[in-house]
């Protein structure tokens, strides 16, 4: 999958997680910390340039993080 597409999925899922965290009644602090951690990683991802995104290890890490974020949302 294209790294830019993966980043867009990650960012979109992070927004959904933030909205979900706002509505959570149980485990509010745990959910809030999860949202903060995802935001921190997303800030780092935004600093990646085109050359970085072409590296195979970055592509694999992005895909792994995408899966992780989607599992968190589920």
N, C-alpha and C. Protein backbone atom coordinates (compact mmCIF):
# COMPACT_ATOMS: atom_id res chain seq x y z
N UNK A 1 0.84 -1.18 0.00
CA UNK A 1 0.00 0.00 0.00
C UNK A 1 0.89 1.25 0.00
N UNK A 2 0.44 2.24 -0.68
CA UNK A 2 1.17 3.51 -0.77
C UNK A 2 1.32 4.14 0.63
N UNK A 3 2.54 4.57 0.99
CA UNK A 3 2.75 5.15 2.32
C UNK A 3 1.87 6.37 2.61
N UNK A 4 1.61 7.18 1.59
CA UNK A 4 0.74 8.36 1.80
C UNK A 4 -0.67 7.91 2.14
N UNK A 5 -1.14 6.87 1.46
CA UNK A 5 -2.48 6.33 1.77
C UNK A 5 -2.52 5.78 3.19
N UNK A 6 -1.46 5.10 3.60
CA UNK A 6 -1.40 4.56 4.96
C UNK A 6 -1.43 5.70 5.98
N UNK A 7 -0.66 6.75 5.72
CA UNK A 7 -0.67 7.92 6.63
C UNK A 7 -2.06 8.53 6.72
N UNK A 8 -2.75 8.64 5.61
CA UNK A 8 -4.11 9.20 5.63
C UNK A 8 -5.06 8.33 6.45
N UNK A 9 -4.91 7.02 6.33
CA UNK A 9 -5.73 6.11 7.13
C UNK A 9 -5.42 6.29 8.62
N UNK A 10 -4.13 6.38 8.94
CA UNK A 10 -3.72 6.57 10.34
C UNK A 10 -4.30 7.87 10.90
N UNK A 11 -4.15 8.95 10.15
CA UNK A 11 -4.66 10.25 10.62
C UNK A 11 -6.18 10.21 10.79
N UNK A 12 -6.87 9.62 9.84
CA UNK A 12 -8.33 9.53 9.92
C UNK A 12 -8.79 8.69 11.10
N UNK A 13 -8.10 7.58 11.32
CA UNK A 13 -8.45 6.72 12.45
C UNK A 13 -8.16 7.42 13.77
N UNK A 14 -7.08 8.18 13.82
CA UNK A 14 -6.74 8.93 15.04
C UNK A 14 -7.84 9.93 15.38
N UNK A 15 -8.40 10.57 14.37
CA UNK A 15 -9.50 11.52 14.60
C UNK A 15 -10.71 10.78 15.17
N UNK A 16 -11.00 9.61 14.63
CA UNK A 16 -12.12 8.83 15.14
C UNK A 16 -11.87 8.39 16.58
N UNK A 17 -10.65 8.03 16.89
CA UNK A 17 -10.32 7.63 18.26
C UNK A 17 -10.52 8.81 19.21
N UNK A 18 -10.08 9.99 18.80
CA UNK A 18 -10.27 11.19 19.65
C UNK A 18 -11.75 11.43 19.94
N UNK A 19 -12.60 11.29 18.92
CA UNK A 19 -14.04 11.48 19.10
C UNK A 19 -14.60 10.42 20.02
N UNK A 20 -14.13 9.20 19.86
CA UNK A 20 -14.60 8.10 20.69
C UNK A 20 -14.19 8.31 22.14
N UNK A 21 -12.95 8.77 22.36
CA UNK A 21 -12.44 9.01 23.71
C UNK A 21 -13.32 10.03 24.43
N UNK A 22 -13.80 11.02 23.72
CA UNK A 22 -14.65 12.04 24.34
C UNK A 22 -15.97 11.46 24.86
N UNK A 23 -16.44 10.38 24.24
CA UNK A 23 -17.72 9.78 24.61
C UNK A 23 -17.61 8.62 25.59
N UNK A 24 -16.39 8.20 25.90
CA UNK A 24 -16.18 7.04 26.77
C UNK A 24 -16.61 7.37 28.20
N UNK A 25 -17.33 6.44 28.80
CA UNK A 25 -17.77 6.61 30.19
C UNK A 25 -16.87 5.84 31.15
N UNK A 26 -16.46 4.63 30.77
CA UNK A 26 -15.58 3.82 31.61
C UNK A 26 -14.15 3.96 31.12
N UNK A 27 -13.21 3.85 32.01
CA UNK A 27 -11.78 3.93 31.67
C UNK A 27 -11.42 5.22 30.94
N UNK A 28 -11.95 6.31 31.39
CA UNK A 28 -11.72 7.59 30.72
C UNK A 28 -10.24 7.96 30.69
N UNK A 29 -9.55 7.79 31.80
CA UNK A 29 -8.13 8.18 31.85
C UNK A 29 -7.29 7.32 30.93
N UNK A 30 -7.57 6.02 30.90
CA UNK A 30 -6.83 5.11 30.03
C UNK A 30 -7.05 5.48 28.56
N UNK A 31 -8.27 5.77 28.20
CA UNK A 31 -8.58 6.15 26.83
C UNK A 31 -7.94 7.50 26.47
N UNK A 32 -7.94 8.40 27.41
CA UNK A 32 -7.32 9.71 27.18
C UNK A 32 -5.83 9.56 26.92
N UNK A 33 -5.16 8.71 27.73
CA UNK A 33 -3.73 8.47 27.53
C UNK A 33 -3.45 7.83 26.18
N UNK A 34 -4.31 6.91 25.76
CA UNK A 34 -4.17 6.28 24.45
C UNK A 34 -4.23 7.34 23.35
N UNK A 35 -5.19 8.23 23.44
CA UNK A 35 -5.31 9.30 22.45
C UNK A 35 -4.09 10.20 22.43
N UNK A 36 -3.55 10.49 23.60
CA UNK A 36 -2.35 11.33 23.69
C UNK A 36 -1.14 10.64 23.07
N UNK A 37 -1.02 9.34 23.29
CA UNK A 37 0.10 8.59 22.70
C UNK A 37 0.01 8.56 21.18
N UNK A 38 -1.18 8.34 20.68
CA UNK A 38 -1.38 8.31 19.23
C UNK A 38 -1.07 9.68 18.64
N UNK A 39 -1.50 10.74 19.30
CA UNK A 39 -1.21 12.10 18.83
C UNK A 39 0.30 12.36 18.79
N UNK A 40 1.01 11.89 19.80
CA UNK A 40 2.46 12.10 19.86
C UNK A 40 3.16 11.40 18.69
N UNK A 41 2.74 10.18 18.40
CA UNK A 41 3.34 9.45 17.28
C UNK A 41 2.97 10.12 15.97
N UNK A 42 1.73 10.58 15.84
CA UNK A 42 1.31 11.24 14.60
C UNK A 42 2.12 12.51 14.35
N UNK A 43 2.49 13.23 15.39
CA UNK A 43 3.31 14.42 15.21
C UNK A 43 4.66 14.04 14.61
N UNK A 44 5.22 12.94 15.05
CA UNK A 44 6.48 12.46 14.48
C UNK A 44 6.30 12.04 13.03
N UNK A 45 5.19 11.39 12.74
CA UNK A 45 4.94 10.93 11.37
C UNK A 45 4.84 12.10 10.40
N UNK A 46 4.31 13.22 10.88
CA UNK A 46 4.16 14.38 10.00
C UNK A 46 5.51 14.96 9.58
N UNK A 47 6.56 14.61 10.30
CA UNK A 47 7.89 15.12 9.94
C UNK A 47 8.58 14.27 8.88
N UNK A 48 7.99 13.14 8.51
CA UNK A 48 8.59 12.29 7.48
C UNK A 48 8.53 12.96 6.12
N UNK A 49 9.60 12.83 5.37
CA UNK A 49 9.60 13.39 4.02
C UNK A 49 9.46 12.27 2.99
N UNK A 50 9.40 12.63 1.73
CA UNK A 50 9.20 11.64 0.66
C UNK A 50 10.28 10.57 0.65
N UNK A 51 11.52 10.97 0.89
CA UNK A 51 12.61 10.00 0.89
C UNK A 51 12.44 8.99 2.02
N UNK A 52 12.03 9.48 3.18
CA UNK A 52 11.79 8.58 4.32
C UNK A 52 10.70 7.57 3.99
N UNK A 53 9.65 8.04 3.34
CA UNK A 53 8.50 7.18 3.06
C UNK A 53 8.81 6.09 2.05
N UNK A 54 9.91 6.20 1.33
CA UNK A 54 10.29 5.19 0.35
C UNK A 54 11.08 4.04 0.97
N UNK A 55 11.56 4.24 2.19
CA UNK A 55 12.35 3.20 2.86
C UNK A 55 11.44 2.05 3.29
N UNK A 56 11.88 0.84 3.01
CA UNK A 56 11.05 -0.34 3.28
C UNK A 56 10.73 -0.50 4.76
N UNK A 57 11.70 -0.19 5.63
CA UNK A 57 11.42 -0.35 7.06
C UNK A 57 10.40 0.67 7.56
N UNK A 58 10.39 1.85 6.96
CA UNK A 58 9.38 2.86 7.32
C UNK A 58 8.01 2.41 6.84
N UNK A 59 7.97 1.88 5.62
CA UNK A 59 6.69 1.38 5.08
C UNK A 59 6.12 0.29 5.98
N UNK A 60 6.97 -0.64 6.41
CA UNK A 60 6.52 -1.72 7.28
C UNK A 60 6.05 -1.18 8.63
N UNK A 61 6.79 -0.24 9.18
CA UNK A 61 6.41 0.35 10.48
C UNK A 61 5.09 1.10 10.38
N UNK A 62 4.90 1.83 9.29
CA UNK A 62 3.64 2.55 9.08
C UNK A 62 2.47 1.58 9.01
N UNK A 63 2.66 0.49 8.28
CA UNK A 63 1.58 -0.49 8.15
C UNK A 63 1.28 -1.13 9.50
N UNK A 64 2.32 -1.43 10.27
CA UNK A 64 2.10 -2.00 11.61
C UNK A 64 1.35 -1.02 12.51
N UNK A 65 1.72 0.26 12.45
CA UNK A 65 1.05 1.27 13.27
C UNK A 65 -0.39 1.45 12.82
N UNK A 66 -0.63 1.41 11.51
CA UNK A 66 -1.99 1.49 10.99
C UNK A 66 -2.86 0.38 11.57
N UNK A 67 -2.33 -0.83 11.58
CA UNK A 67 -3.07 -1.96 12.13
C UNK A 67 -3.34 -1.76 13.62
N UNK A 68 -2.34 -1.29 14.33
CA UNK A 68 -2.47 -1.06 15.77
C UNK A 68 -3.54 -0.02 16.07
N UNK A 69 -3.50 1.08 15.33
CA UNK A 69 -4.48 2.16 15.54
C UNK A 69 -5.89 1.68 15.21
N UNK A 70 -6.02 0.90 14.16
CA UNK A 70 -7.35 0.40 13.81
C UNK A 70 -7.87 -0.57 14.89
N UNK A 71 -6.96 -1.40 15.44
CA UNK A 71 -7.37 -2.28 16.52
C UNK A 71 -7.77 -1.49 17.77
N UNK A 72 -7.08 -0.40 18.04
CA UNK A 72 -7.45 0.46 19.17
C UNK A 72 -8.85 1.03 18.98
N UNK A 73 -9.17 1.43 17.77
CA UNK A 73 -10.48 1.98 17.50
C UNK A 73 -11.56 0.92 17.68
N UNK A 74 -11.26 -0.29 17.20
CA UNK A 74 -12.23 -1.39 17.34
C UNK A 74 -12.48 -1.69 18.79
